[in-house]
Amino acid sequence: MTPLERLGLEVVAFTLLGSRWQAAMLLALIEANGRVLSYRSLASAKAWRENKEDSEASRNGTRIRVCFLRRSLEDLGFWNVIETAPRPSVLDKSPGYSLPEPGRSAIMARLIEEAGS
């Protein structure tokens, strides 16, 4: 996807979800093509993020934001589309997240449909 297409989809996602960080996280998950993204990857999906620290508070904030994103997607009719991956190791305190098919395609179709209207 080109930067212009990504920007357009992020604007539509923002319009539907009502939140910049939810739109940015959703686009990061879409661009991952079903791969698991760590909480660090999702936290850095926001270009405006100023606090780059890797703390428990930062991890908890990302977990909470994923929870809100899931809830917002459910409000749009997309149930259980974001999956939580198991922790890669005992030392890694946070799981990863993915947006596998068919949920990814369904959300993309909705974003494209909304962009056309």
C-alpha atoms as a PDB file:
ATOM      1  CA  MET A   1       0.000   0.000   0.000  1.00  0.00           C
ATOM      2  CA  THR A   2       1.317   3.422  -0.899  1.00  0.00           C
ATOM      3  CA  PRO A   3       1.778   6.104   1.771  1.00  0.00           C
ATOM      4  CA  LEU A   4      -1.151   8.040   0.302  1.00  0.00           C
ATOM      5  CA  GLU A   5      -3.425   4.964   0.413  1.00  0.00           C
ATOM      6  CA  ARG A   6      -2.324   4.306   3.995  1.00  0.00           C
ATOM      7  CA  LEU A   7      -3.083   7.881   4.992  1.00  0.00           C
ATOM      8  CA  GLY A   8      -6.516   7.662   3.395  1.00  0.00           C
ATOM      9  CA  LEU A   9      -7.305   4.420   5.215  1.00  0.00           C
ATOM     10  CA  GLU A  10      -6.041   5.850   8.495  1.00  0.00           C
ATOM     11  CA  VAL A  11      -8.310   8.892   8.097  1.00  0.00           C
ATOM     12  CA  VAL A  12     -11.297   6.615   7.413  1.00  0.00           C
ATOM     13  CA  ALA A  13     -10.329   4.406  10.376  1.00  0.00           C
ATOM     14  CA  PHE A  14     -10.147   7.505  12.564  1.00  0.00           C
ATOM     15  CA  THR A  15     -13.602   8.563  11.358  1.00  0.00           C
ATOM     16  CA  LEU A  16     -15.063   5.144  12.198  1.00  0.00           C
ATOM     17  CA  LEU A  17     -13.213   4.561  15.468  1.00  0.00           C
ATOM     18  CA  GLY A  18     -12.994   8.138  16.738  1.00  0.00           C
ATOM     19  CA  SER A  19      -9.421   7.799  17.943  1.00  0.00           C
ATOM     20  CA  ARG A  20      -6.023   8.486  16.379  1.00  0.00           C
ATOM     21  CA  TRP A  21      -4.242   5.775  18.319  1.00  0.00           C
ATOM     22  CA  GLN A  22      -6.904   3.173  17.512  1.00  0.00           C
ATOM     23  CA  ALA A  23      -6.657   4.078  13.817  1.00  0.00           C
ATOM     24  CA  ALA A  24      -2.860   3.854  13.906  1.00  0.00           C
ATOM     25  CA  MET A  25      -2.899   0.507  15.712  1.00  0.00           C
ATOM     26  CA  LEU A  26      -5.492  -0.896  13.331  1.00  0.00           C
ATOM     27  CA  LEU A  27      -3.436   0.144  10.292  1.00  0.00           C
ATOM     28  CA  ALA A  28      -0.286  -1.378  11.835  1.00  0.00           C
ATOM     29  CA  LEU A  29      -2.156  -4.671  12.316  1.00  0.00           C
ATOM     30  CA  ILE A  30      -3.526  -4.533   8.762  1.00  0.00           C
ATOM     31  CA  GLU A  31      -0.067  -3.841   7.305  1.00  0.00           C
ATOM     32  CA  ALA A  32       1.399  -6.784   9.257  1.00  0.00           C
ATOM     33  CA  ASN A  33      -0.621  -9.132   6.990  1.00  0.00           C
ATOM     34  CA  GLY A  34      -1.550 -11.494   9.807  1.00  0.00           C
ATOM     35  CA  ARG A  35       1.890 -11.556  11.456  1.00  0.00           C
ATOM     36  CA  VAL A  36       2.102 -11.098  15.207  1.00  0.00           C
ATOM     37  CA  LEU A  37       3.095  -7.613  16.354  1.00  0.00           C
ATOM     38  CA  SER A  38       4.546  -7.106  19.815  1.00  0.00           C
ATOM     39  CA  TYR A  39       3.226  -4.448  22.143  1.00  0.00           C
ATOM     40  CA  ARG A  40       6.374  -2.439  21.296  1.00  0.00           C
ATOM     41  CA  SER A  41       5.485  -2.505  17.605  1.00  0.00           C
ATOM     42  CA  LEU A  42       1.939  -1.372  18.320  1.00  0.00           C
ATOM     43  CA  ALA A  43       3.089   1.341  20.710  1.00  0.00           C
ATOM     44  CA  SER A  44       5.498   2.683  18.092  1.00  0.00           C
ATOM     45  CA  ALA A  45       2.766   2.626  15.420  1.00  0.00           C
ATOM     46  CA  LYS A  46       1.891   6.108  16.605  1.00  0.00           C
ATOM     47  CA  ALA A  47       4.224   8.575  14.958  1.00  0.00           C
ATOM     48  CA  TRP A  48       3.258  11.221  17.517  1.00  0.00           C
ATOM     49  CA  ARG A  49       4.327   9.035  20.459  1.00  0.00           C
ATOM     50  CA  GLU A  50       6.815  11.048  22.473  1.00  0.00           C
ATOM     51  CA  ASN A  51       7.453   8.648  25.352  1.00  0.00           C
ATOM     52  CA  LYS A  52       9.627   5.836  23.978  1.00  0.00           C
ATOM     53  CA  GLU A  53      10.312   4.214  27.346  1.00  0.00           C
ATOM     54  CA  ASP A  54       9.852   0.481  27.735  1.00  0.00           C
ATOM     55  CA  SER A  55       8.186   0.253  31.122  1.00  0.00           C
ATOM     56  CA  GLU A  56       5.434  -1.786  32.702  1.00  0.00           C
ATOM     57  CA  ALA A  57       3.181   1.282  32.505  1.00  0.00           C
ATOM     58  CA  SER A  58       3.866   1.565  28.772  1.00  0.00           C
ATOM     59  CA  ARG A  59       3.072  -2.140  28.248  1.00  0.00           C
ATOM     60  CA  ASN A  60      -0.117  -1.857  30.282  1.00  0.00           C
ATOM     61  CA  GLY A  61      -1.162   1.211  28.302  1.00  0.00           C
ATOM     62  CA  THR A  62      -0.749  -0.695  25.044  1.00  0.00           C
ATOM     63  CA  ARG A  63      -2.729  -3.669  26.390  1.00  0.00           C
ATOM     64  CA  ILE A  64      -5.532  -1.324  27.427  1.00  0.00           C
ATOM     65  CA  ARG A  65      -5.520   0.384  24.019  1.00  0.00           C
ATOM     66  CA  VAL A  66      -5.770  -2.996  22.269  1.00  0.00           C
ATOM     67  CA  CYS A  67      -8.733  -3.801  24.526  1.00  0.00           C
ATOM     68  CA  PHE A  68     -10.421  -0.532  23.500  1.00  0.00           C
ATOM     69  CA  LEU A  69      -9.650  -1.200  19.834  1.00  0.00           C
ATOM     70  CA  ARG A  70     -11.243  -4.640  20.119  1.00  0.00           C
ATOM     71  CA  ARG A  71     -14.323  -3.105  21.699  1.00  0.00           C
ATOM     72  CA  SER A  72     -14.575  -0.448  18.990  1.00  0.00           C
ATOM     73  CA  LEU A  73     -14.267  -3.079  16.267  1.00  0.00           C
ATOM     74  CA  GLU A  74     -16.990  -5.140  17.951  1.00  0.00           C
ATOM     75  CA  ASP A  75     -19.226  -2.049  17.887  1.00  0.00           C
ATOM     76  CA  LEU A  76     -18.678  -2.015  14.112  1.00  0.00           C
ATOM     77  CA  GLY A  77     -19.614  -5.708  13.847  1.00  0.00           C
ATOM     78  CA  PHE A  78     -16.117  -7.220  13.785  1.00  0.00           C
ATOM     79  CA  TRP A  79     -16.137  -9.775  16.602  1.00  0.00           C
ATOM     80  CA  ASN A  80     -12.936 -11.453  17.823  1.00  0.00           C
ATOM     81  CA  VAL A  81     -10.795 -10.324  14.894  1.00  0.00           C
ATOM     82  CA  ILE A  82      -7.699  -9.335  16.891  1.00  0.00           C
ATOM     83  CA  GLU A  83      -5.945 -12.381  18.281  1.00  0.00           C
ATOM     84  CA  THR A  84      -3.585 -12.444  21.241  1.00  0.00           C
ATOM     85  CA  ALA A  85      -0.479 -14.505  20.618  1.00  0.00           C
ATOM     86  CA  PRO A  86       1.187 -16.371  23.453  1.00  0.00           C
ATOM     87  CA  ARG A  87       4.201 -14.806  25.095  1.00  0.00           C
ATOM     88  CA  PRO A  88       7.368 -15.742  23.204  1.00  0.00           C
ATOM     89  CA  SER A  89       9.289 -16.304  26.449  1.00  0.00           C
ATOM     90  CA  VAL A  90       8.879 -16.146  30.190  1.00  0.00           C
ATOM     91  CA  LEU A  91      10.982 -12.986  30.226  1.00  0.00           C
ATOM     92  CA  ASP A  92       8.702 -11.193  27.769  1.00  0.00           C
ATOM     93  CA  LYS A  93       5.860  -9.898  29.916  1.00  0.00           C
ATOM     94  CA  SER A  94       3.559  -9.000  27.057  1.00  0.00           C
ATOM     95  CA  PRO A  95       1.995 -11.038  24.297  1.00  0.00           C
ATOM     96  CA  GLY A  96       1.766 -10.019  20.714  1.00  0.00           C
ATOM     97  CA  TYR A  97      -1.329  -9.281  18.670  1.00  0.00           C
ATOM     98  CA  SER A  98      -2.383 -10.150  15.133  1.00  0.00           C
ATOM     99  CA  LEU A  99      -5.237  -9.488  12.729  1.00  0.00           C
ATOM    100  CA  PRO A 100      -5.541 -12.692  10.690  1.00  0.00           C
ATOM    101  CA  GLU A 101      -7.820 -13.458   7.772  1.00  0.00           C
ATOM    102  CA  PRO A 102     -10.744 -13.259   7.198  1.00  0.00           C
ATOM    103  CA  GLY A 103     -11.019 -10.382   9.686  1.00  0.00           C
ATOM    104  CA  ARG A 104      -8.252  -8.394   8.021  1.00  0.00           C
ATOM    105  CA  SER A 105      -9.927  -8.507   4.607  1.00  0.00           C
ATOM    106  CA  ALA A 106     -13.345  -7.705   6.053  1.00  0.00           C
ATOM    107  CA  ILE A 107     -12.028  -4.620   7.846  1.00  0.00           C
ATOM    108  CA  MET A 108     -10.104  -3.497   4.746  1.00  0.00           C
ATOM    109  CA  ALA A 109     -13.282  -3.854   2.659  1.00  0.00           C
ATOM    110  CA  ARG A 110     -15.209  -1.760   5.187  1.00  0.00           C
ATOM    111  CA  LEU A 111     -12.547   0.955   5.223  1.00  0.00           C
ATOM    112  CA  ILE A 112     -12.459   1.079   1.413  1.00  0.00           C
ATOM    113  CA  GLU A 113     -16.273   1.157   1.276  1.00  0.00           C
ATOM    114  CA  GLU A 114     -16.382   4.046   3.749  1.00  0.00           C
ATOM    115  CA  ALA A 115     -13.694   5.902   1.815  1.00  0.00           C
ATOM    116  CA  GLY A 116     -15.810   5.696  -1.339  1.00  0.00           C
ATOM    117  CA  SER A 117     -18.925   7.118   0.292  1.00  0.00           C
END
